[in-house]
């Protein structure tokens, strides 16, 4: 099974192909994703890389954590599982109790 890594501190101009190239020096890159703002499409400064194996993931963490990419220090570590989201928008998701809107 592969290893999913969190990559923080990315330059806002970083692309998924740059991430793939950077991590490919340390093993097989299964996927690379830069997280973008859903409204503007601009990078949010972090992403995820999935390596081919745990060993390759550890090698990438050791080699790349704290290094510079376009003048920004990268943070590379194992990705934590996404926590389930609660609440959110929509009707009925407020804390107004039984008060009427009108």
PDB file of N, CA and C in Angstrom:
ATOM      1  N   UNK A   1       0.842  -1.193   0.000  1.00  0.00           N
ATOM      2  CA  UNK A   1       0.000   0.000   0.000  1.00  0.00           C
ATOM      3  C   UNK A   1       0.880   1.247   0.000  1.00  0.00           C
ATOM      4  N   UNK A   2       0.411   2.304  -0.668  1.00  0.00           N
ATOM      5  CA  UNK A   2       1.178   3.532  -0.782  1.00  0.00           C
ATOM      6  C   UNK A   2       1.152   4.369   0.475  1.00  0.00           C
ATOM      7  N   UNK A   3       1.799   5.508   0.368  1.00  0.00           N
ATOM      8  CA  UNK A   3       1.907   6.435   1.488  1.00  0.00           C
ATOM      9  C   UNK A   3       1.436   7.795   1.026  1.00  0.00           C
ATOM     10  N   UNK A   4       0.423   8.359   1.710  1.00  0.00           N
ATOM     11  CA  UNK A   4      -0.092   9.672   1.342  1.00  0.00           C
ATOM     12  C   UNK A   4       0.590  10.722   2.211  1.00  0.00           C
ATOM     13  N   UNK A   5       1.154  11.731   1.560  1.00  0.00           N
ATOM     14  CA  UNK A   5       1.912  12.775   2.247  1.00  0.00           C
ATOM     15  C   UNK A   5       1.228  14.125   2.112  1.00  0.00           C
ATOM     16  N   UNK A   6       1.300  14.903   3.179  1.00  0.00           N
ATOM     17  CA  UNK A   6       0.850  16.295   3.180  1.00  0.00           C
ATOM     18  C   UNK A   6       2.058  17.155   2.842  1.00  0.00           C
ATOM     19  N   UNK A   7       1.871  18.122   1.962  1.00  0.00           N
ATOM     20  CA  UNK A   7       2.944  19.041   1.588  1.00  0.00           C
ATOM     21  C   UNK A   7       2.434  20.458   1.817  1.00  0.00           C
ATOM     22  N   UNK A   8       2.979  21.142   2.823  1.00  0.00           N
ATOM     23  CA  UNK A   8       2.583  22.504   3.135  1.00  0.00           C
ATOM     24  C   UNK A   8       3.672  23.492   2.767  1.00  0.00           C
ATOM     25  N   UNK A   9       3.320  24.755   2.719  1.00  0.00           N
ATOM     26  CA  UNK A   9       4.281  25.803   2.402  1.00  0.00           C
ATOM     27  C   UNK A   9       4.582  25.915   0.924  1.00  0.00           C
ATOM     28  N   UNK A  10       3.686  25.385   0.094  1.00  0.00           N
ATOM     29  CA  UNK A  10       3.922  25.450  -1.350  1.00  0.00           C
ATOM     30  C   UNK A  10       3.795  26.887  -1.848  1.00  0.00           C
ATOM     31  N   UNK A  11       4.631  27.255  -2.816  1.00  0.00           N
ATOM     32  CA  UNK A  11       4.444  28.552  -3.461  1.00  0.00           C
ATOM     33  C   UNK A  11       3.073  28.559  -4.143  1.00  0.00           C
ATOM     34  N   UNK A  12       2.428  29.706  -4.198  1.00  0.00           N
ATOM     35  CA  UNK A  12       1.089  29.760  -4.778  1.00  0.00           C
ATOM     36  C   UNK A  12       1.077  29.461  -6.274  1.00  0.00           C
ATOM     37  N   UNK A  13       2.244  29.541  -6.916  1.00  0.00           N
ATOM     38  CA  UNK A  13       2.329  29.243  -8.339  1.00  0.00           C
ATOM     39  C   UNK A  13       2.688  27.781  -8.607  1.00  0.00           C
ATOM     40  N   UNK A  14       2.846  26.978  -7.565  1.00  0.00           N
ATOM     41  CA  UNK A  14       3.254  25.577  -7.740  1.00  0.00           C
ATOM     42  C   UNK A  14       2.186  24.791  -8.500  1.00  0.00           C
ATOM     43  N   UNK A  15       2.653  23.881  -9.362  1.00  0.00           N
ATOM     44  CA  UNK A  15       1.736  23.044 -10.143  1.00  0.00           C
ATOM     45  C   UNK A  15       1.877  21.588  -9.720  1.00  0.00           C
ATOM     46  N   UNK A  16       0.907  20.793 -10.129  1.00  0.00           N
ATOM     47  CA  UNK A  16       0.943  19.373  -9.815  1.00  0.00           C
ATOM     48  C   UNK A  16       2.112  18.679 -10.514  1.00  0.00           C
ATOM     49  N   UNK A  17       2.469  19.134 -11.704  1.00  0.00           N
ATOM     50  CA  UNK A  17       3.607  18.526 -12.396  1.00  0.00           C
ATOM     51  C   UNK A  17       4.914  18.850 -11.679  1.00  0.00           C
ATOM     52  N   UNK A  18       5.035  20.046 -11.098  1.00  0.00           N
ATOM     53  CA  UNK A  18       6.230  20.378 -10.312  1.00  0.00           C
ATOM     54  C   UNK A  18       6.320  19.490  -9.075  1.00  0.00           C
ATOM     55  N   UNK A  19       5.187  19.256  -8.423  1.00  0.00           N
ATOM     56  CA  UNK A  19       5.171  18.371  -7.251  1.00  0.00           C
ATOM     57  C   UNK A  19       5.594  16.964  -7.641  1.00  0.00           C
ATOM     58  N   UNK A  20       5.056  16.479  -8.745  1.00  0.00           N
ATOM     59  CA  UNK A  20       5.400  15.141  -9.215  1.00  0.00           C
ATOM     60  C   UNK A  20       6.901  15.039  -9.476  1.00  0.00           C
ATOM     61  N   UNK A  21       7.462  16.018 -10.154  1.00  0.00           N
ATOM     62  CA  UNK A  21       8.893  16.015 -10.461  1.00  0.00           C
ATOM     63  C   UNK A  21       9.735  16.063  -9.191  1.00  0.00           C
ATOM     64  N   UNK A  22       9.346  16.895  -8.239  1.00  0.00           N
ATOM     65  CA  UNK A  22      10.083  17.038  -6.986  1.00  0.00           C
ATOM     66  C   UNK A  22      10.121  15.725  -6.206  1.00  0.00           C
ATOM     67  N   UNK A  23       8.985  15.052  -6.116  1.00  0.00           N
ATOM     68  CA  UNK A  23       8.890  13.828  -5.321  1.00  0.00           C
ATOM     69  C   UNK A  23       9.361  12.589  -6.080  1.00  0.00           C
ATOM     70  N   UNK A  24       9.380  12.628  -7.405  1.00  0.00           N
ATOM     71  CA  UNK A  24       9.785  11.473  -8.200  1.00  0.00           C
ATOM     72  C   UNK A  24      11.242  11.083  -7.953  1.00  0.00           C
ATOM     73  N   UNK A  25      12.052  12.014  -7.485  1.00  0.00           N
ATOM     74  CA  UNK A  25      13.450  11.707  -7.189  1.00  0.00           C
ATOM     75  C   UNK A  25      13.575  10.750  -5.998  1.00  0.00           C
ATOM     76  N   UNK A  26      12.473  10.550  -5.264  1.00  0.00           N
ATOM     77  CA  UNK A  26      12.513   9.734  -4.052  1.00  0.00           C
ATOM     78  C   UNK A  26      11.643   8.494  -4.151  1.00  0.00           C
ATOM     79  N   UNK A  27      11.081   8.232  -5.331  1.00  0.00           N
ATOM     80  CA  UNK A  27      10.279   7.026  -5.525  1.00  0.00           C
ATOM     81  C   UNK A  27       9.170   7.257  -6.537  1.00  0.00           C
ATOM     82  N   UNK A  28       8.289   6.275  -6.619  1.00  0.00           N
ATOM     83  CA  UNK A  28       7.174   6.329  -7.556  1.00  0.00           C
ATOM     84  C   UNK A  28       6.070   7.228  -7.013  1.00  0.00           C
ATOM     85  N   UNK A  29       5.684   8.209  -7.806  1.00  0.00           N
ATOM     86  CA  UNK A  29       4.600   9.111  -7.421  1.00  0.00           C
ATOM     87  C   UNK A  29       3.318   8.586  -8.059  1.00  0.00           C
ATOM     88  N   UNK A  30       2.392   8.151  -7.209  1.00  0.00           N
ATOM     89  CA  UNK A  30       1.100   7.648  -7.698  1.00  0.00           C
ATOM     90  C   UNK A  30       0.195   8.806  -8.105  1.00  0.00           C
ATOM     91  N   UNK A  31       0.201   9.877  -7.304  1.00  0.00           N
ATOM     92  CA  UNK A  31      -0.591  11.058  -7.631  1.00  0.00           C
ATOM     93  C   UNK A  31      -0.030  12.262  -6.893  1.00  0.00           C
ATOM     94  N   UNK A  32      -0.286  13.441  -7.440  1.00  0.00           N
ATOM     95  CA  UNK A  32       0.116  14.701  -6.806  1.00  0.00           C
ATOM     96  C   UNK A  32      -1.019  15.686  -7.022  1.00  0.00           C
ATOM     97  N   UNK A  33      -1.418  16.354  -5.955  1.00  0.00           N
ATOM     98  CA  UNK A  33      -2.548  17.274  -6.058  1.00  0.00           C
ATOM     99  C   UNK A  33      -2.262  18.544  -5.273  1.00  0.00           C
ATOM    100  N   UNK A  34      -2.403  19.689  -5.936  1.00  0.00           N
ATOM    101  CA  UNK A  34      -2.313  20.999  -5.286  1.00  0.00           C
ATOM    102  C   UNK A  34      -3.743  21.419  -4.977  1.00  0.00           C
ATOM    103  N   UNK A  35      -4.014  21.767  -3.737  1.00  0.00           N
ATOM    104  CA  UNK A  35      -5.361  22.161  -3.334  1.00  0.00           C
ATOM    105  C   UNK A  35      -5.590  23.621  -3.703  1.00  0.00           C
ATOM    106  N   UNK A  36      -6.715  23.883  -4.377  1.00  0.00           N
ATOM    107  CA  UNK A  36      -7.016  25.232  -4.835  1.00  0.00           C
ATOM    108  C   UNK A  36      -8.307  25.741  -4.206  1.00  0.00           C
ATOM    109  N   UNK A  37      -8.432  27.049  -4.154  1.00  0.00           N
ATOM    110  CA  UNK A  37      -9.652  27.695  -3.674  1.00  0.00           C
ATOM    111  C   UNK A  37     -10.757  27.438  -4.693  1.00  0.00           C
ATOM    112  N   UNK A  38     -11.922  27.014  -4.224  1.00  0.00           N
ATOM    113  CA  UNK A  38     -12.968  26.645  -5.171  1.00  0.00           C
ATOM    114  C   UNK A  38     -13.587  27.834  -5.898  1.00  0.00           C
ATOM    115  N   UNK A  39     -13.404  29.035  -5.376  1.00  0.00           N
ATOM    116  CA  UNK A  39     -13.983  30.210  -6.038  1.00  0.00           C
ATOM    117  C   UNK A  39     -12.988  30.890  -6.970  1.00  0.00           C
ATOM    118  N   UNK A  40     -11.734  31.045  -6.528  1.00  0.00           N
ATOM    119  CA  UNK A  40     -10.754  31.762  -7.336  1.00  0.00           C
ATOM    120  C   UNK A  40      -9.875  30.846  -8.175  1.00  0.00           C
ATOM    121  N   UNK A  41      -9.760  29.573  -7.777  1.00  0.00           N
ATOM    122  CA  UNK A  41      -8.901  28.642  -8.494  1.00  0.00           C
ATOM    123  C   UNK A  41      -7.437  28.779  -8.118  1.00  0.00           C
ATOM    124  N   UNK A  42      -7.099  29.732  -7.238  1.00  0.00           N
ATOM    125  CA  UNK A  42      -5.714  29.930  -6.823  1.00  0.00           C
ATOM    126  C   UNK A  42      -5.314  28.863  -5.808  1.00  0.00           C
ATOM    127  N   UNK A  43      -4.051  28.479  -5.846  1.00  0.00           N
ATOM    128  CA  UNK A  43      -3.524  27.506  -4.899  1.00  0.00           C
ATOM    129  C   UNK A  43      -3.712  28.011  -3.472  1.00  0.00           C
ATOM    130  N   UNK A  44      -3.986  27.082  -2.554  1.00  0.00           N
ATOM    131  CA  UNK A  44      -4.123  27.442  -1.142  1.00  0.00           C
ATOM    132  C   UNK A  44      -2.810  27.234  -0.400  1.00  0.00           C
ATOM    133  N   UNK A  45      -1.739  26.853  -1.114  1.00  0.00           N
ATOM    134  CA  UNK A  45      -0.422  26.745  -0.502  1.00  0.00           C
ATOM    135  C   UNK A  45      -0.115  25.379   0.095  1.00  0.00           C
ATOM    136  N   UNK A  46      -0.953  24.382  -0.208  1.00  0.00           N
ATOM    137  CA  UNK A  46      -0.646  23.033   0.253  1.00  0.00           C
ATOM    138  C   UNK A  46      -1.196  22.017  -0.731  1.00  0.00           C
ATOM    139  N   UNK A  47      -0.757  20.785  -0.553  1.00  0.00           N
ATOM    140  CA  UNK A  47      -1.212  19.721  -1.446  1.00  0.00           C
ATOM    141  C   UNK A  47      -0.926  18.366  -0.851  1.00  0.00           C
ATOM    142  N   UNK A  48      -1.173  17.336  -1.650  1.00  0.00           N
ATOM    143  CA  UNK A  48      -0.970  15.962  -1.220  1.00  0.00           C
ATOM    144  C   UNK A  48      -0.268  15.187  -2.321  1.00  0.00           C
ATOM    145  N   UNK A  49       0.648  14.311  -1.909  1.00  0.00           N
ATOM    146  CA  UNK A  49       1.355  13.447  -2.842  1.00  0.00           C
ATOM    147  C   UNK A  49       1.205  12.028  -2.333  1.00  0.00           C
ATOM    148  N   UNK A  50       0.855  11.122  -3.233  1.00  0.00           N
ATOM    149  CA  UNK A  50       0.760   9.714  -2.866  1.00  0.00           C
ATOM    150  C   UNK A  50       1.935   8.979  -3.487  1.00  0.00           C
ATOM    151  N   UNK A  51       2.762   8.391  -2.621  1.00  0.00           N
ATOM    152  CA  UNK A  51       3.950   7.659  -3.063  1.00  0.00           C
ATOM    153  C   UNK A  51       3.606   6.171  -3.201  1.00  0.00           C
ATOM    154  N   UNK A  52       4.439   5.437  -3.947  1.00  0.00           N
ATOM    155  CA  UNK A  52       4.188   4.032  -4.237  1.00  0.00           C
ATOM    156  C   UNK A  52       4.267   3.111  -3.033  1.00  0.00           C
ATOM    157  N   UNK A  53       5.087   3.444  -2.034  1.00  0.00           N
ATOM    158  CA  UNK A  53       5.236   2.580  -0.860  1.00  0.00           C
ATOM    159  C   UNK A  53       5.532   3.423   0.376  1.00  0.00           C
ATOM    160  N   UNK A  54       5.395   2.791   1.533  1.00  0.00           N
ATOM    161  CA  UNK A  54       5.708   3.459   2.800  1.00  0.00           C
ATOM    162  C   UNK A  54       7.173   3.902   2.827  1.00  0.00           C
ATOM    163  N   UNK A  55       8.061   3.036   2.335  1.00  0.00           N
ATOM    164  CA  UNK A  55       9.495   3.343   2.346  1.00  0.00           C
ATOM    165  C   UNK A  55       9.802   4.574   1.493  1.00  0.00           C
ATOM    166  N   UNK A  56       9.175   4.643   0.327  1.00  0.00           N
ATOM    167  CA  UNK A  56       9.379   5.799  -0.542  1.00  0.00           C
ATOM    168  C   UNK A  56       8.817   7.069   0.105  1.00  0.00           C
ATOM    169  N   UNK A  57       7.699   6.945   0.778  1.00  0.00           N
ATOM    170  CA  UNK A  57       7.120   8.079   1.483  1.00  0.00           C
ATOM    171  C   UNK A  57       8.041   8.592   2.574  1.00  0.00           C
ATOM    172  N   UNK A  58       8.613   7.670   3.360  1.00  0.00           N
ATOM    173  CA  UNK A  58       9.546   8.067   4.426  1.00  0.00           C
ATOM    174  C   UNK A  58      10.805   8.708   3.838  1.00  0.00           C
ATOM    175  N   UNK A  59      11.277   8.174   2.723  1.00  0.00           N
ATOM    176  CA  UNK A  59      12.455   8.761   2.071  1.00  0.00           C
ATOM    177  C   UNK A  59      12.168  10.185   1.615  1.00  0.00           C
ATOM    178  N   UNK A  60      10.976  10.413   1.060  1.00  0.00           N
ATOM    179  CA  UNK A  60      10.602  11.753   0.604  1.00  0.00           C
ATOM    180  C   UNK A  60      10.466  12.715   1.784  1.00  0.00           C
ATOM    181  N   UNK A  61       9.889  12.250   2.887  1.00  0.00           N
ATOM    182  CA  UNK A  61       9.757  13.095   4.079  1.00  0.00           C
ATOM    183  C   UNK A  61      11.132  13.495   4.581  1.00  0.00           C
ATOM    184  N   UNK A  62      12.021  12.512   4.709  1.00  0.00           N
ATOM    185  CA  UNK A  62      13.375  12.786   5.212  1.00  0.00           C
ATOM    186  C   UNK A  62      14.130  13.755   4.314  1.00  0.00           C
ATOM    187  N   UNK A  63      13.970  13.592   3.007  1.00  0.00           N
ATOM    188  CA  UNK A  63      14.734  14.402   2.066  1.00  0.00           C
ATOM    189  C   UNK A  63      14.151  15.802   1.855  1.00  0.00           C
ATOM    190  N   UNK A  64      12.832  15.942   1.911  1.00  0.00           N
ATOM    191  CA  UNK A  64      12.219  17.201   1.482  1.00  0.00           C
ATOM    192  C   UNK A  64      11.671  18.085   2.600  1.00  0.00           C
ATOM    193  N   UNK A  65      11.402  17.538   3.774  1.00  0.00           N
ATOM    194  CA  UNK A  65      10.853  18.354   4.855  1.00  0.00           C
ATOM    195  C   UNK A  65      11.867  19.434   5.244  1.00  0.00           C
ATOM    196  N   UNK A  66      11.433  20.687   5.209  1.00  0.00           N
ATOM    197  CA  UNK A  66      12.302  21.810   5.558  1.00  0.00           C
ATOM    198  C   UNK A  66      13.096  22.381   4.404  1.00  0.00           C
ATOM    199  N   UNK A  67      13.022  21.762   3.225  1.00  0.00           N
ATOM    200  CA  UNK A  67      13.743  22.301   2.068  1.00  0.00           C
ATOM    201  C   UNK A  67      12.968  23.473   1.478  1.00  0.00           C
ATOM    202  N   UNK A  68      13.610  24.194   0.564  1.00  0.00           N
ATOM    203  CA  UNK A  68      13.018  25.382  -0.046  1.00  0.00           C
ATOM    204  C   UNK A  68      12.478  25.064  -1.439  1.00  0.00           C
ATOM    205  N   UNK A  69      11.335  25.658  -1.747  1.00  0.00           N
ATOM    206  CA  UNK A  69      10.795  25.618  -3.115  1.00  0.00           C
ATOM    207  C   UNK A  69      10.388  27.043  -3.444  1.00  0.00           C
ATOM    208  N   UNK A  70      11.058  27.650  -4.387  1.00  0.00           N
ATOM    209  CA  UNK A  70      10.812  29.048  -4.774  1.00  0.00           C
ATOM    210  C   UNK A  70      10.814  29.982  -3.569  1.00  0.00           C
ATOM    211  N   UNK A  71      11.764  29.768  -2.644  1.00  0.00           N
ATOM    212  CA  UNK A  71      11.926  30.642  -1.498  1.00  0.00           C
ATOM    213  C   UNK A  71      11.014  30.352  -0.319  1.00  0.00           C
ATOM    214  N   UNK A  72      10.207  29.305  -0.395  1.00  0.00           N
ATOM    215  CA  UNK A  72       9.311  28.947   0.716  1.00  0.00           C
ATOM    216  C   UNK A  72       9.728  27.598   1.297  1.00  0.00           C
ATOM    217  N   UNK A  73       9.712  27.520   2.616  1.00  0.00           N
ATOM    218  CA  UNK A  73      10.088  26.275   3.294  1.00  0.00           C
ATOM    219  C   UNK A  73       8.933  25.281   3.232  1.00  0.00           C
ATOM    220  N   UNK A  74       9.233  24.082   2.759  1.00  0.00           N
ATOM    221  CA  UNK A  74       8.208  23.043   2.660  1.00  0.00           C
ATOM    222  C   UNK A  74       8.060  22.285   3.968  1.00  0.00           C
ATOM    223  N   UNK A  75       6.841  21.911   4.275  1.00  0.00           N
ATOM    224  CA  UNK A  75       6.539  21.011   5.383  1.00  0.00           C
ATOM    225  C   UNK A  75       6.020  19.730   4.748  1.00  0.00           C
ATOM    226  N   UNK A  76       6.720  18.632   4.963  1.00  0.00           N
ATOM    227  CA  UNK A  76       6.305  17.358   4.380  1.00  0.00           C
ATOM    228  C   UNK A  76       6.173  16.345   5.507  1.00  0.00           C
ATOM    229  N   UNK A  77       4.983  15.767   5.646  1.00  0.00           N
ATOM    230  CA  UNK A  77       4.770  14.703   6.629  1.00  0.00           C
ATOM    231  C   UNK A  77       3.626  13.810   6.181  1.00  0.00           C
ATOM    232  N   UNK A  78       3.387  12.741   6.942  1.00  0.00           N
ATOM    233  CA  UNK A  78       2.301  11.835   6.585  1.00  0.00           C
ATOM    234  C   UNK A  78       0.970  12.560   6.719  1.00  0.00           C
ATOM    235  N   UNK A  79       0.108  12.351   5.744  1.00  0.00           N
ATOM    236  CA  UNK A  79      -1.207  12.978   5.772  1.00  0.00           C
ATOM    237  C   UNK A  79      -2.081  12.281   6.812  1.00  0.00           C
ATOM    238  N   UNK A  80      -2.841  13.078   7.532  1.00  0.00           N
ATOM    239  CA  UNK A  80      -3.792  12.526   8.494  1.00  0.00           C
ATOM    240  C   UNK A  80      -5.098  12.238   7.760  1.00  0.00           C
ATOM    241  N   UNK A  81      -5.834  11.221   8.198  1.00  0.00           N
ATOM    242  CA  UNK A  81      -7.125  10.955   7.538  1.00  0.00           C
ATOM    243  C   UNK A  81      -8.053  12.148   7.680  1.00  0.00           C
ATOM    244  N   UNK A  82      -8.828  12.405   6.641  1.00  0.00           N
ATOM    245  CA  UNK A  82      -9.755  13.532   6.673  1.00  0.00           C
ATOM    246  C   UNK A  82     -10.853  13.240   7.686  1.00  0.00           C
ATOM    247  N   UNK A  83     -11.091  14.207   8.565  1.00  0.00           N
ATOM    248  CA  UNK A  83     -12.138  14.048   9.563  1.00  0.00           C
ATOM    249  C   UNK A  83     -13.490  14.327   8.937  1.00  0.00           C
ATOM    250  N   UNK A  84     -14.526  13.597   9.387  1.00  0.00           N
ATOM    251  CA  UNK A  84     -15.864  13.869   8.833  1.00  0.00           C
ATOM    252  C   UNK A  84     -16.311  15.281   9.175  1.00  0.00           C
ATOM    253  N   UNK A  85     -16.938  15.917   8.230  1.00  0.00           N
ATOM    254  CA  UNK A  85     -17.389  17.292   8.440  1.00  0.00           C
ATOM    255  C   UNK A  85     -18.787  17.282   9.034  1.00  0.00           C
ATOM    256  N   UNK A  86     -19.019  18.229   9.923  1.00  0.00           N
ATOM    257  CA  UNK A  86     -20.337  18.353  10.525  1.00  0.00           C
ATOM    258  C   UNK A  86     -20.868  19.755  10.289  1.00  0.00           C
ATOM    259  N   UNK A  87     -22.149  19.917  10.497  1.00  0.00           N
ATOM    260  CA  UNK A  87     -22.748  21.237  10.347  1.00  0.00           C
ATOM    261  C   UNK A  87     -22.799  21.661   8.907  1.00  0.00           C
ATOM    262  N   UNK A  88     -22.546  22.915   8.684  1.00  0.00           N
ATOM    263  CA  UNK A  88     -22.554  23.430   7.328  1.00  0.00           C
ATOM    264  C   UNK A  88     -23.762  24.295   7.072  1.00  0.00           C
ATOM    265  N   UNK A  89     -23.905  24.693   5.845  1.00  0.00           N
ATOM    266  CA  UNK A  89     -24.991  25.586   5.481  1.00  0.00           C
ATOM    267  C   UNK A  89     -26.291  24.855   5.234  1.00  0.00           C
ATOM    268  N   UNK A  90     -27.166  25.533   4.557  1.00  0.00           N
ATOM    269  CA  UNK A  90     -28.452  24.934   4.245  1.00  0.00           C
ATOM    270  C   UNK A  90     -29.493  25.235   5.304  1.00  0.00           C
ATOM    271  N   UNK A  91     -30.691  24.851   5.041  1.00  0.00           N
ATOM    272  CA  UNK A  91     -31.794  25.100   5.974  1.00  0.00           C
ATOM    273  C   UNK A  91     -31.702  24.169   7.172  1.00  0.00           C
ATOM    274  N   UNK A  92     -32.083  24.688   8.304  1.00  0.00           N
ATOM    275  CA  UNK A  92     -32.136  23.870   9.507  1.00  0.00           C
ATOM    276  C   UNK A  92     -30.805  23.702  10.205  1.00  0.00           C
ATOM    277  N   UNK A  93     -29.751  24.265   9.669  1.00  0.00           N
ATOM    278  CA  UNK A  93     -28.436  24.091  10.264  1.00  0.00           C
ATOM    279  C   UNK A  93     -28.047  25.232  11.171  1.00  0.00           C
ATOM    280  N   UNK A  94     -29.033  25.916  11.764  1.00  0.00           N
ATOM    281  CA  UNK A  94     -28.695  27.059  12.606  1.00  0.00           C
ATOM    282  C   UNK A  94     -28.959  26.742  14.075  1.00  0.00           C
ATOM    283  N   UNK A  95     -28.609  27.678  14.927  1.00  0.00           N
ATOM    284  CA  UNK A  95     -28.790  27.507  16.374  1.00  0.00           C
ATOM    285  C   UNK A  95     -29.872  28.446  16.905  1.00  0.00           C
ATOM    286  N   UNK A  96     -30.903  28.711  16.107  1.00  0.00           N
ATOM    287  CA  UNK A  96     -31.931  29.647  16.518  1.00  0.00           C
ATOM    288  C   UNK A  96     -33.048  28.981  17.328  1.00  0.00           C
ATOM    289  N   UNK A  97     -32.922  27.692  17.564  1.00  0.00           N
ATOM    290  CA  UNK A  97     -33.951  27.006  18.329  1.00  0.00           C
ATOM    291  C   UNK A  97     -35.269  27.011  17.590  1.00  0.00           C
ATOM    292  N   UNK A  98     -36.349  27.316  18.284  1.00  0.00           N
ATOM    293  CA  UNK A  98     -37.662  27.280  17.660  1.00  0.00           C
ATOM    294  C   UNK A  98     -38.162  28.668  17.290  1.00  0.00           C
ATOM    295  N   UNK A  99     -37.269  29.661  17.316  1.00  0.00           N
ATOM    296  CA  UNK A  99     -37.701  31.018  16.951  1.00  0.00           C
ATOM    297  C   UNK A  99     -38.070  31.088  15.485  1.00  0.00           C
ATOM    298  N   UNK A 100     -39.073  31.837  15.198  1.00  0.00           N
ATOM    299  CA  UNK A 100     -39.512  32.028  13.828  1.00  0.00           C
ATOM    300  C   UNK A 100     -38.625  33.083  13.164  1.00  0.00           C
ATOM    301  N   UNK A 101     -38.442  32.946  11.870  1.00  0.00           N
ATOM    302  CA  UNK A 101     -37.658  33.930  11.128  1.00  0.00           C
ATOM    303  C   UNK A 101     -38.416  35.234  10.955  1.00  0.00           C
ATOM    304  N   UNK A 102     -39.760  35.185  11.068  1.00  0.00           N
ATOM    305  CA  UNK A 102     -40.565  36.373  10.752  1.00  0.00           C
ATOM    306  C   UNK A 102     -41.204  36.933  11.968  1.00  0.00           C
TER     307      UNK A 102
END
